[in-house]
Each structure stands twice: as C-alpha cells, then as structure tokens.
Amino acid sequence: MSNWINVPYHSNQVYIVRESAIRDVLKNLITQNKKVKMSSSSKILIDEKHLDLQVFLDIKIKKVEMNDSYNIIKNLVASVEEAVRKLIDKKPKNVQISLIGTY
C-alpha cells in the first residue's frame, strides 16, 4: 500500500491524501516553472502517524538563470509550501531544495 497523509476536518472526520497525489502536484508545479527541472531522485517523507511530511527536491536550473538562483529557489520553496498546503491544509514540516546542476 502506498503512503498517505491523514487530514483531519470537522470534529471526528479525516480524509486521506496519497503520496502519489502529492507527487503529481509537485511534478506539475515544477513542469510549469520554465526555469527549473526536477531530478527523479527527489523524495517525500511522511511521518509514522501520517500527519506531516517533508519534501526533498533535487533540481537543475537553466544556465541562463544561474545569476538569480537564490530567488528561484526561494520562490520554488514558497510554491511547494503553498501547493502542499492546498492539499493537506498545512505547510510541510520541511522543504529542502538541492541544486544539483544546470541544464
């Protein structure tokens, strides 16, 4: 069975967001950003209680955008946090971006 996040709502109700849904959202987010590409070694870690997650993304930045890499990464982290928040109603515990090169 795949991994998931439990998202509580109302008094005693919970809905589930599968890891695959989070991966799809992150993949779409990166695909829309024309300044970066995501490596396949990126991962999502979900805690044992299925209540929180950490996102680890390995990315490459376009060579012509390297002078602005700080702002690109800063904006990417904010976008990842917002995309995850829309799914699970809170920001991930951690978003780690590793710049592994250029393309």
PDB file of N, CA and C in Angstrom:
ATOM      1  N   MET A   1       0.845  -1.183   0.000  1.00  0.00           N
ATOM      2  CA  MET A   1       0.000   0.000   0.000  1.00  0.00           C
ATOM      3  C   MET A   1       0.889   1.244   0.000  1.00  0.00           C
ATOM      4  N   SER A   2       0.475   2.245  -0.723  1.00  0.00           N
ATOM      5  CA  SER A   2       1.261   3.472  -0.794  1.00  0.00           C
ATOM      6  C   SER A   2       1.126   4.269   0.503  1.00  0.00           C
ATOM      7  N   ASN A   3       1.993   5.248   0.641  1.00  0.00           N
ATOM      8  CA  ASN A   3       1.983   6.086   1.823  1.00  0.00           C
ATOM      9  C   ASN A   3       0.933   7.183   1.678  1.00  0.00           C
ATOM     10  N   TRP A   4       0.506   7.769   2.798  1.00  0.00           N
ATOM     11  CA  TRP A   4      -0.550   8.768   2.761  1.00  0.00           C
ATOM     12  C   TRP A   4      -0.432   9.732   3.938  1.00  0.00           C
ATOM     13  N   ILE A   5      -1.203  10.816   3.851  1.00  0.00           N
ATOM     14  CA  ILE A   5      -1.344  11.799   4.934  1.00  0.00           C
ATOM     15  C   ILE A   5      -2.810  11.808   5.360  1.00  0.00           C
ATOM     16  N   ASN A   6      -3.040  11.729   6.664  1.00  0.00           N
ATOM     17  CA  ASN A   6      -4.386  11.896   7.206  1.00  0.00           C
ATOM     18  C   ASN A   6      -4.626  13.385   7.436  1.00  0.00           C
ATOM     19  N   VAL A   7      -5.719  13.887   6.919  1.00  0.00           N
ATOM     20  CA  VAL A   7      -6.048  15.306   7.082  1.00  0.00           C
ATOM     21  C   VAL A   7      -7.352  15.399   7.872  1.00  0.00           C
ATOM     22  N   PRO A   8      -7.250  15.797   9.151  1.00  0.00           N
ATOM     23  CA  PRO A   8      -8.465  15.907   9.958  1.00  0.00           C
ATOM     24  C   PRO A   8      -9.299  17.123   9.548  1.00  0.00           C
ATOM     25  N   TYR A   9     -10.599  16.951   9.590  1.00  0.00           N
ATOM     26  CA  TYR A   9     -11.508  18.077   9.373  1.00  0.00           C
ATOM     27  C   TYR A   9     -12.777  17.830  10.170  1.00  0.00           C
ATOM     28  N   HIS A  10     -13.452  18.874  10.518  1.00  0.00           N
ATOM     29  CA  HIS A  10     -14.611  18.835  11.411  1.00  0.00           C
ATOM     30  C   HIS A  10     -14.213  18.158  12.715  1.00  0.00           C
ATOM     31  N   SER A  11     -15.118  17.533  13.402  1.00  0.00           N
ATOM     32  CA  SER A  11     -14.789  17.010  14.729  1.00  0.00           C
ATOM     33  C   SER A  11     -14.090  15.653  14.696  1.00  0.00           C
ATOM     34  N   ASN A  12     -14.675  14.677  14.063  1.00  0.00           N
ATOM     35  CA  ASN A  12     -14.087  13.336  14.064  1.00  0.00           C
ATOM     36  C   ASN A  12     -13.927  12.767  12.662  1.00  0.00           C
ATOM     37  N   GLN A  13     -13.665  13.616  11.693  1.00  0.00           N
ATOM     38  CA  GLN A  13     -13.559  13.139  10.326  1.00  0.00           C
ATOM     39  C   GLN A  13     -12.149  13.353   9.796  1.00  0.00           C
ATOM     40  N   VAL A  14     -11.760  12.471   8.898  1.00  0.00           N
ATOM     41  CA  VAL A  14     -10.421  12.524   8.307  1.00  0.00           C
ATOM     42  C   VAL A  14     -10.545  12.187   6.830  1.00  0.00           C
ATOM     43  N   TYR A  15      -9.808  12.912   6.002  1.00  0.00           N
ATOM     44  CA  TYR A  15      -9.670  12.454   4.623  1.00  0.00           C
ATOM     45  C   TYR A  15      -8.207  12.145   4.370  1.00  0.00           C
ATOM     46  N   ILE A  16      -7.954  11.351   3.359  1.00  0.00           N
ATOM     47  CA  ILE A  16      -6.610  10.850   3.074  1.00  0.00           C
ATOM     48  C   ILE A  16      -6.112  11.450   1.768  1.00  0.00           C
ATOM     49  N   VAL A  17      -4.851  11.886   1.787  1.00  0.00           N
ATOM     50  CA  VAL A  17      -4.174  12.334   0.571  1.00  0.00           C
ATOM     51  C   VAL A  17      -3.004  11.382   0.347  1.00  0.00           C
ATOM     52  N   ARG A  18      -3.037  10.665  -0.736  1.00  0.00           N
ATOM     53  CA  ARG A  18      -1.976   9.704  -1.044  1.00  0.00           C
ATOM     54  C   ARG A  18      -0.702  10.415  -1.484  1.00  0.00           C
ATOM     55  N   GLU A  19       0.415   9.766  -1.225  1.00  0.00           N
ATOM     56  CA  GLU A  19       1.717  10.299  -1.632  1.00  0.00           C
ATOM     57  C   GLU A  19       1.756  10.539  -3.135  1.00  0.00           C
ATOM     58  N   SER A  20       1.114   9.673  -3.896  1.00  0.00           N
ATOM     59  CA  SER A  20       1.112   9.828  -5.355  1.00  0.00           C
ATOM     60  C   SER A  20       0.434  11.136  -5.776  1.00  0.00           C
ATOM     61  N   ALA A  21      -0.598  11.557  -5.054  1.00  0.00           N
ATOM     62  CA  ALA A  21      -1.260  12.833  -5.362  1.00  0.00           C
ATOM     63  C   ALA A  21      -0.322  14.005  -5.082  1.00  0.00           C
ATOM     64  N   ILE A  22       0.420  13.923  -3.999  1.00  0.00           N
ATOM     65  CA  ILE A  22       1.390  14.973  -3.666  1.00  0.00           C
ATOM     66  C   ILE A  22       2.484  15.015  -4.720  1.00  0.00           C
ATOM     67  N   ARG A  23       2.964  13.843  -5.133  1.00  0.00           N
ATOM     68  CA  ARG A  23       3.988  13.783  -6.187  1.00  0.00           C
ATOM     69  C   ARG A  23       3.477  14.404  -7.491  1.00  0.00           C
ATOM     70  N   ASP A  24       2.243  14.105  -7.844  1.00  0.00           N
ATOM     71  CA  ASP A  24       1.661  14.670  -9.070  1.00  0.00           C
ATOM     72  C   ASP A  24       1.606  16.192  -9.009  1.00  0.00           C
ATOM     73  N   VAL A  25       1.191  16.725  -7.876  1.00  0.00           N
ATOM     74  CA  VAL A  25       1.112  18.183  -7.715  1.00  0.00           C
ATOM     75  C   VAL A  25       2.503  18.802  -7.820  1.00  0.00           C
ATOM     76  N   LEU A  26       3.496  18.190  -7.176  1.00  0.00           N
ATOM     77  CA  LEU A  26       4.864  18.718  -7.240  1.00  0.00           C
ATOM     78  C   LEU A  26       5.428  18.628  -8.655  1.00  0.00           C
ATOM     79  N   LYS A  27       5.149  17.518  -9.327  1.00  0.00           N
ATOM     80  CA  LYS A  27       5.622  17.360 -10.705  1.00  0.00           C
ATOM     81  C   LYS A  27       5.018  18.437 -11.607  1.00  0.00           C
ATOM     82  N   ASN A  28       3.721  18.677 -11.465  1.00  0.00           N
ATOM     83  CA  ASN A  28       3.058  19.718 -12.262  1.00  0.00           C
ATOM     84  C   ASN A  28       3.603  21.102 -11.937  1.00  0.00           C
ATOM     85  N   LEU A  29       3.875  21.357 -10.674  1.00  0.00           N
ATOM     86  CA  LEU A  29       4.431  22.639 -10.248  1.00  0.00           C
ATOM     87  C   LEU A  29       5.791  22.883 -10.902  1.00  0.00           C
ATOM     88  N   ILE A  30       6.650  21.873 -10.890  1.00  0.00           N
ATOM     89  CA  ILE A  30       7.986  22.001 -11.485  1.00  0.00           C
ATOM     90  C   ILE A  30       7.877  22.122 -13.002  1.00  0.00           C
ATOM     91  N   THR A  31       6.984  21.363 -13.611  1.00  0.00           N
ATOM     92  CA  THR A  31       6.813  21.407 -15.061  1.00  0.00           C
ATOM     93  C   THR A  31       6.381  22.796 -15.528  1.00  0.00           C
ATOM     94  N   GLN A  32       5.551  23.460 -14.746  1.00  0.00           N
ATOM     95  CA  GLN A  32       5.087  24.804 -15.102  1.00  0.00           C
ATOM     96  C   GLN A  32       6.181  25.856 -14.952  1.00  0.00           C
ATOM     97  N   ASN A  33       7.167  25.581 -14.122  1.00  0.00           N
ATOM     98  CA  ASN A  33       8.268  26.522 -13.908  1.00  0.00           C
ATOM     99  C   ASN A  33       9.321  26.282 -14.987  1.00  0.00           C
ATOM    100  N   LYS A  34       9.463  27.203 -15.900  1.00  0.00           N
ATOM    101  CA  LYS A  34      10.367  27.027 -17.047  1.00  0.00           C
ATOM    102  C   LYS A  34      11.831  27.268 -16.692  1.00  0.00           C
ATOM    103  N   LYS A  35      12.120  27.599 -15.430  1.00  0.00           N
ATOM    104  CA  LYS A  35      13.499  27.873 -15.024  1.00  0.00           C
ATOM    105  C   LYS A  35      14.177  26.678 -14.366  1.00  0.00           C
ATOM    106  N   VAL A  36      13.396  25.651 -13.981  1.00  0.00           N
ATOM    107  CA  VAL A  36      13.960  24.503 -13.265  1.00  0.00           C
ATOM    108  C   VAL A  36      13.448  23.184 -13.831  1.00  0.00           C
ATOM    109  N   LYS A  37      14.223  22.133 -13.576  1.00  0.00           N
ATOM    110  CA  LYS A  37      13.816  20.757 -13.858  1.00  0.00           C
ATOM    111  C   LYS A  37      14.065  19.939 -12.602  1.00  0.00           C
ATOM    112  N   MET A  38      13.194  18.963 -12.342  1.00  0.00           N
ATOM    113  CA  MET A  38      13.318  18.127 -11.160  1.00  0.00           C
ATOM    114  C   MET A  38      14.003  16.811 -11.508  1.00  0.00           C
ATOM    115  N   SER A  39      14.875  16.364 -10.622  1.00  0.00           N
ATOM    116  CA  SER A  39      15.543  15.076 -10.774  1.00  0.00           C
ATOM    117  C   SER A  39      14.621  13.972 -10.266  1.00  0.00           C
ATOM    118  N   SER A  40      14.823  12.776 -10.758  1.00  0.00           N
ATOM    119  CA  SER A  40      14.000  11.642 -10.320  1.00  0.00           C
ATOM    120  C   SER A  40      14.344  11.192  -8.902  1.00  0.00           C
ATOM    121  N   SER A  41      15.459  11.668  -8.349  1.00  0.00           N
ATOM    122  CA  SER A  41      15.856  11.247  -7.005  1.00  0.00           C
ATOM    123  C   SER A  41      15.157  12.047  -5.905  1.00  0.00           C
ATOM    124  N   SER A  42      14.267  12.931  -6.262  1.00  0.00           N
ATOM    125  CA  SER A  42      13.522  13.702  -5.270  1.00  0.00           C
ATOM    126  C   SER A  42      12.615  12.767  -4.478  1.00  0.00           C
ATOM    127  N   LYS A  43      12.340  13.141  -3.197  1.00  0.00           N
ATOM    128  CA  LYS A  43      11.534  12.233  -2.375  1.00  0.00           C
ATOM    129  C   LYS A  43      10.630  12.986  -1.412  1.00  0.00           C
ATOM    130  N   ILE A  44       9.651  12.248  -0.909  1.00  0.00           N
ATOM    131  CA  ILE A  44       8.709  12.745   0.092  1.00  0.00           C
ATOM    132  C   ILE A  44       8.767  11.782   1.267  1.00  0.00           C
ATOM    133  N   LEU A  45       8.980  12.320   2.462  1.00  0.00           N
ATOM    134  CA  LEU A  45       8.971  11.502   3.673  1.00  0.00           C
ATOM    135  C   LEU A  45       7.740  11.860   4.495  1.00  0.00           C
ATOM    136  N   ILE A  46       6.969  10.841   4.856  1.00  0.00           N
ATOM    137  CA  ILE A  46       5.759  11.033   5.653  1.00  0.00           C
ATOM    138  C   ILE A  46       5.992  10.407   7.020  1.00  0.00           C
ATOM    139  N   ASP A  47       5.634  11.121   8.084  1.00  0.00           N
ATOM    140  CA  ASP A  47       5.890  10.617   9.436  1.00  0.00           C
ATOM    141  C   ASP A  47       5.047   9.378   9.741  1.00  0.00           C
ATOM    142  N   GLU A  48       5.413   8.689  10.827  1.00  0.00           N
ATOM    143  CA  GLU A  48       4.766   7.420  11.190  1.00  0.00           C
ATOM    144  C   GLU A  48       3.279   7.567  11.494  1.00  0.00           C
ATOM    145  N   LYS A  49       2.886   8.730  11.998  1.00  0.00           N
ATOM    146  CA  LYS A  49       1.475   8.951  12.334  1.00  0.00           C
ATOM    147  C   LYS A  49       0.661   9.436  11.135  1.00  0.00           C
ATOM    148  N   HIS A  50       1.327   9.616   9.998  1.00  0.00           N
ATOM    149  CA  HIS A  50       0.679  10.061   8.758  1.00  0.00           C
ATOM    150  C   HIS A  50       0.016  11.433   8.909  1.00  0.00           C
ATOM    151  N   LEU A  51       0.690  12.324   9.657  1.00  0.00           N
ATOM    152  CA  LEU A  51       0.135  13.654   9.885  1.00  0.00           C
ATOM    153  C   LEU A  51       0.985  14.774   9.307  1.00  0.00           C
ATOM    154  N   ASP A  52       2.221  14.497   8.953  1.00  0.00           N
ATOM    155  CA  ASP A  52       3.108  15.541   8.445  1.00  0.00           C
ATOM    156  C   ASP A  52       4.070  14.947   7.427  1.00  0.00           C
ATOM    157  N   LEU A  53       4.668  15.825   6.631  1.00  0.00           N
ATOM    158  CA  LEU A  53       5.584  15.344   5.603  1.00  0.00           C
ATOM    159  C   LEU A  53       6.739  16.305   5.400  1.00  0.00           C
ATOM    160  N   GLN A  54       7.783  15.775   4.780  1.00  0.00           N
ATOM    161  CA  GLN A  54       8.940  16.559   4.376  1.00  0.00           C
ATOM    162  C   GLN A  54       9.148  16.324   2.887  1.00  0.00           C
ATOM    163  N   VAL A  55       9.551  17.373   2.190  1.00  0.00           N
ATOM    164  CA  VAL A  55       9.769  17.293   0.749  1.00  0.00           C
ATOM    165  C   VAL A  55      11.238  17.567   0.472  1.00  0.00           C
ATOM    166  N   PHE A  56      11.860  16.680  -0.288  1.00  0.00           N
ATOM    167  CA  PHE A  56      13.257  16.832  -0.688  1.00  0.00           C
ATOM    168  C   PHE A  56      13.306  16.821  -2.211  1.00  0.00           C
ATOM    169  N   LEU A  57      13.655  17.959  -2.797  1.00  0.00           N
ATOM    170  CA  LEU A  57      13.688  18.075  -4.251  1.00  0.00           C
ATOM    171  C   LEU A  57      15.107  18.324  -4.734  1.00  0.00           C
ATOM    172  N   ASP A  58      15.534  17.528  -5.692  1.00  0.00           N
ATOM    173  CA  ASP A  58      16.800  17.756  -6.387  1.00  0.00           C
ATOM    174  C   ASP A  58      16.446  18.417  -7.710  1.00  0.00           C
ATOM    175  N   ILE A  59      17.001  19.601  -7.936  1.00  0.00           N
ATOM    176  CA  ILE A  59      16.637  20.343  -9.142  1.00  0.00           C
ATOM    177  C   ILE A  59      17.866  20.792  -9.920  1.00  0.00           C
ATOM    178  N   LYS A  60      17.617  21.095 -11.176  1.00  0.00           N
ATOM    179  CA  LYS A  60      18.593  21.754 -12.034  1.00  0.00           C
ATOM    180  C   LYS A  60      17.968  23.067 -12.487  1.00  0.00           C
ATOM    181  N   ILE A  61      18.805  24.101 -12.574  1.00  0.00           N
ATOM    182  CA  ILE A  61      18.349  25.419 -13.013  1.00  0.00           C
ATOM    183  C   ILE A  61      18.928  25.694 -14.392  1.00  0.00           C
ATOM    184  N   LYS A  62      18.148  26.384 -15.227  1.00  0.00           N
ATOM    185  CA  LYS A  62      18.642  26.789 -16.546  1.00  0.00           C
ATOM    186  C   LYS A  62      19.930  27.585 -16.380  1.00  0.00           C
ATOM    187  N   LYS A  63      20.895  27.319 -17.253  1.00  0.00           N
ATOM    188  CA  LYS A  63      22.185  28.016 -17.172  1.00  0.00           C
ATOM    189  C   LYS A  63      22.025  29.527 -17.193  1.00  0.00           C
ATOM    190  N   VAL A  64      21.137  30.017 -18.041  1.00  0.00           N
ATOM    191  CA  VAL A  64      20.971  31.472 -18.165  1.00  0.00           C
ATOM    192  C   VAL A  64      20.311  32.092 -16.930  1.00  0.00           C
ATOM    193  N   GLU A  65      19.763  31.284 -16.044  1.00  0.00           N
ATOM    194  CA  GLU A  65      19.095  31.778 -14.835  1.00  0.00           C
ATOM    195  C   GLU A  65      19.960  31.642 -13.581  1.00  0.00           C
ATOM    196  N   MET A  66      21.169  31.128 -13.693  1.00  0.00           N
ATOM    197  CA  MET A  66      22.007  30.867 -12.521  1.00  0.00           C
ATOM    198  C   MET A  66      22.300  32.120 -11.697  1.00  0.00           C
ATOM    199  N   ASN A  67      22.356  33.285 -12.318  1.00  0.00           N
ATOM    200  CA  ASN A  67      22.620  34.514 -11.564  1.00  0.00           C
ATOM    201  C   ASN A  67      21.502  34.835 -10.579  1.00  0.00           C
ATOM    202  N   ASP A  68      20.331  34.273 -10.806  1.00  0.00           N
ATOM    203  CA  ASP A  68      19.179  34.527  -9.941  1.00  0.00           C
ATOM    204  C   ASP A  68      18.769  33.261  -9.180  1.00  0.00           C
ATOM    205  N   SER A  69      19.698  32.345  -8.960  1.00  0.00           N
ATOM    206  CA  SER A  69      19.364  31.049  -8.363  1.00  0.00           C
ATOM    207  C   SER A  69      18.761  31.180  -6.963  1.00  0.00           C
ATOM    208  N   TYR A  70      19.241  32.132  -6.169  1.00  0.00           N
ATOM    209  CA  TYR A  70      18.690  32.313  -4.819  1.00  0.00           C
ATOM    210  C   TYR A  70      17.186  32.590  -4.877  1.00  0.00           C
ATOM    211  N   ASN A  71      16.785  33.546  -5.695  1.00  0.00           N
ATOM    212  CA  ASN A  71      15.363  33.901  -5.796  1.00  0.00           C
ATOM    213  C   ASN A  71      14.536  32.789  -6.420  1.00  0.00           C
ATOM    214  N   ILE A  72      15.112  32.075  -7.374  1.00  0.00           N
ATOM    215  CA  ILE A  72      14.397  30.952  -7.989  1.00  0.00           C
ATOM    216  C   ILE A  72      14.101  29.889  -6.943  1.00  0.00           C
ATOM    217  N   ILE A  73      15.095  29.546  -6.126  1.00  0.00           N
ATOM    218  CA  ILE A  73      14.909  28.528  -5.087  1.00  0.00           C
ATOM    219  C   ILE A  73      13.942  29.034  -4.016  1.00  0.00           C
ATOM    220  N   LYS A  74      14.077  30.275  -3.611  1.00  0.00           N
ATOM    221  CA  LYS A  74      13.182  30.866  -2.607  1.00  0.00           C
ATOM    222  C   LYS A  74      11.729  30.818  -3.082  1.00  0.00           C
ATOM    223  N   ASN A  75      11.491  31.198  -4.335  1.00  0.00           N
ATOM    224  CA  ASN A  75      10.135  31.164  -4.892  1.00  0.00           C
ATOM    225  C   ASN A  75       9.626  29.736  -5.052  1.00  0.00           C
ATOM    226  N   LEU A  76      10.521  28.813  -5.395  1.00  0.00           N
ATOM    227  CA  LEU A  76      10.130  27.415  -5.535  1.00  0.00           C
ATOM    228  C   LEU A  76       9.691  26.841  -4.189  1.00  0.00           C
ATOM    229  N   VAL A  77      10.433  27.131  -3.130  1.00  0.00           N
ATOM    230  CA  VAL A  77      10.053  26.667  -1.792  1.00  0.00           C
ATOM    231  C   VAL A  77       8.671  27.208  -1.421  1.00  0.00           C
ATOM    232  N   ALA A  78       8.444  28.483  -1.655  1.00  0.00           N
ATOM    233  CA  ALA A  78       7.137  29.081  -1.349  1.00  0.00           C
ATOM    234  C   ALA A  78       6.026  28.416  -2.161  1.00  0.00           C
ATOM    235  N   SER A  79       6.291  28.120  -3.417  1.00  0.00           N
ATOM    236  CA  SER A  79       5.293  27.463  -4.275  1.00  0.00           C
ATOM    237  C   SER A  79       4.999  26.046  -3.803  1.00  0.00           C
ATOM    238  N   VAL A  80       6.037  25.318  -3.401  1.00  0.00           N
ATOM    239  CA  VAL A  80       5.859  23.952  -2.889  1.00  0.00           C
ATOM    240  C   VAL A  80       5.032  23.991  -1.604  1.00  0.00           C
ATOM    241  N   GLU A  81       5.386  24.896  -0.695  1.00  0.00           N
ATOM    242  CA  GLU A  81       4.631  25.005   0.558  1.00  0.00           C
ATOM    243  C   GLU A  81       3.156  25.306   0.291  1.00  0.00           C
ATOM    244  N   GLU A  82       2.885  26.203  -0.624  1.00  0.00           N
ATOM    245  CA  GLU A  82       1.503  26.574  -0.933  1.00  0.00           C
ATOM    246  C   GLU A  82       0.746  25.412  -1.597  1.00  0.00           C
ATOM    247  N   ALA A  83       1.400  24.710  -2.506  1.00  0.00           N
ATOM    248  CA  ALA A  83       0.752  23.580  -3.184  1.00  0.00           C
ATOM    249  C   ALA A  83       0.410  22.470  -2.194  1.00  0.00           C
ATOM    250  N   VAL A  84       1.326  22.176  -1.281  1.00  0.00           N
ATOM    251  CA  VAL A  84       1.073  21.146  -0.269  1.00  0.00           C
ATOM    252  C   VAL A  84      -0.014  21.623   0.697  1.00  0.00           C
ATOM    253  N   ARG A  85       0.024  22.891   1.070  1.00  0.00           N
ATOM    254  CA  ARG A  85      -0.988  23.438   1.972  1.00  0.00           C
ATOM    255  C   ARG A  85      -2.394  23.302   1.385  1.00  0.00           C
ATOM    256  N   LYS A  86      -2.503  23.475   0.093  1.00  0.00           N
ATOM    257  CA  LYS A  86      -3.811  23.331  -0.561  1.00  0.00           C
ATOM    258  C   LYS A  86      -4.323  21.896  -0.485  1.00  0.00           C
ATOM    259  N   LEU A  87      -3.410  20.930  -0.413  1.00  0.00           N
ATOM    260  CA  LEU A  87      -3.813  19.524  -0.321  1.00  0.00           C
ATOM    261  C   LEU A  87      -4.106  19.083   1.107  1.00  0.00           C
ATOM    262  N   ILE A  88      -3.227  19.464   2.046  1.00  0.00           N
ATOM    263  CA  ILE A  88      -3.340  18.917   3.405  1.00  0.00           C
ATOM    264  C   ILE A  88      -3.644  19.981   4.460  1.00  0.00           C
ATOM    265  N   ASP A  89      -3.921  21.190   4.040  1.00  0.00           N
ATOM    266  CA  ASP A  89      -4.323  22.290   4.915  1.00  0.00           C
ATOM    267  C   ASP A  89      -3.235  22.730   5.894  1.00  0.00           C
ATOM    268  N   LYS A  90      -1.981  22.427   5.593  1.00  0.00           N
ATOM    269  CA  LYS A  90      -0.852  22.968   6.350  1.00  0.00           C
ATOM    270  C   LYS A  90       0.411  22.823   5.518  1.00  0.00           C
ATOM    271  N   LYS A  91       1.401  23.635   5.859  1.00  0.00           N
ATOM    272  CA  LYS A  91       2.673  23.564   5.147  1.00  0.00           C
ATOM    273  C   LYS A  91       3.406  22.288   5.541  1.00  0.00           C
ATOM    274  N   PRO A  92       4.264  21.782   4.660  1.00  0.00           N
ATOM    275  CA  PRO A  92       5.079  20.635   5.048  1.00  0.00           C
ATOM    276  C   PRO A  92       6.033  21.025   6.174  1.00  0.00           C
ATOM    277  N   LYS A  93       6.436  20.046   6.946  1.00  0.00           N
ATOM    278  CA  LYS A  93       7.374  20.272   8.050  1.00  0.00           C
ATOM    279  C   LYS A  93       8.692  20.840   7.533  1.00  0.00           C
ATOM    280  N   ASN A  94       9.110  20.393   6.354  1.00  0.00           N
ATOM    281  CA  ASN A  94      10.380  20.816   5.784  1.00  0.00           C
ATOM    282  C   ASN A  94      10.307  20.724   4.261  1.00  0.00           C
ATOM    283  N   VAL A  95      10.885  21.714   3.599  1.00  0.00           N
ATOM    284  CA  VAL A  95      11.088  21.651   2.150  1.00  0.00           C
ATOM    285  C   VAL A  95      12.569  21.898   1.923  1.00  0.00           C
ATOM    286  N   GLN A  96      13.247  20.894   1.420  1.00  0.00           N
ATOM    287  CA  GLN A  96      14.683  21.012   1.162  1.00  0.00           C
ATOM    288  C   GLN A  96      14.926  20.944  -0.337  1.00  0.00           C
ATOM    289  N   ILE A  97      15.563  21.978  -0.863  1.00  0.00           N
ATOM    290  CA  ILE A  97      15.894  22.032  -2.283  1.00  0.00           C
ATOM    291  C   ILE A  97      17.394  21.833  -2.427  1.00  0.00           C
ATOM    292  N   SER A  98      17.791  20.866  -3.227  1.00  0.00           N
ATOM    293  CA  SER A  98      19.208  20.646  -3.527  1.00  0.00           C
ATOM    294  C   SER A  98      19.444  20.998  -4.984  1.00  0.00           C
ATOM    295  N   LEU A  99      20.307  21.968  -5.200  1.00  0.00           N
ATOM    296  CA  LEU A  99      20.680  22.355  -6.556  1.00  0.00           C
ATOM    297  C   LEU A  99      21.779  21.404  -7.008  1.00  0.00           C
ATOM    298  N   ILE A 100      21.471  20.570  -8.002  1.00  0.00           N
ATOM    299  CA  ILE A 100      22.433  19.547  -8.421  1.00  0.00           C
ATOM    300  C   ILE A 100      23.113  19.871  -9.743  1.00  0.00           C
ATOM    301  N   GLY A 101      22.767  21.002 -10.328  1.00  0.00           N
ATOM    302  CA  GLY A 101      23.426  21.372 -11.571  1.00  0.00           C
ATOM    303  C   GLY A 101      22.588  22.303 -12.416  1.00  0.00           C
ATOM    304  N   THR A 102      23.020  22.430 -13.669  1.00  0.00           N
ATOM    305  CA  THR A 102      22.320  23.284 -14.622  1.00  0.00           C
ATOM    306  C   THR A 102      21.943  22.465 -15.851  1.00  0.00           C
ATOM    307  N   TYR A 103      21.107  23.062 -16.656  1.00  0.00           N
ATOM    308  CA  TYR A 103      20.761  22.430 -17.939  1.00  0.00           C
ATOM    309  C   TYR A 103      20.683  23.477 -19.012  1.00  0.00           C
TER     310      TYR A 103
END
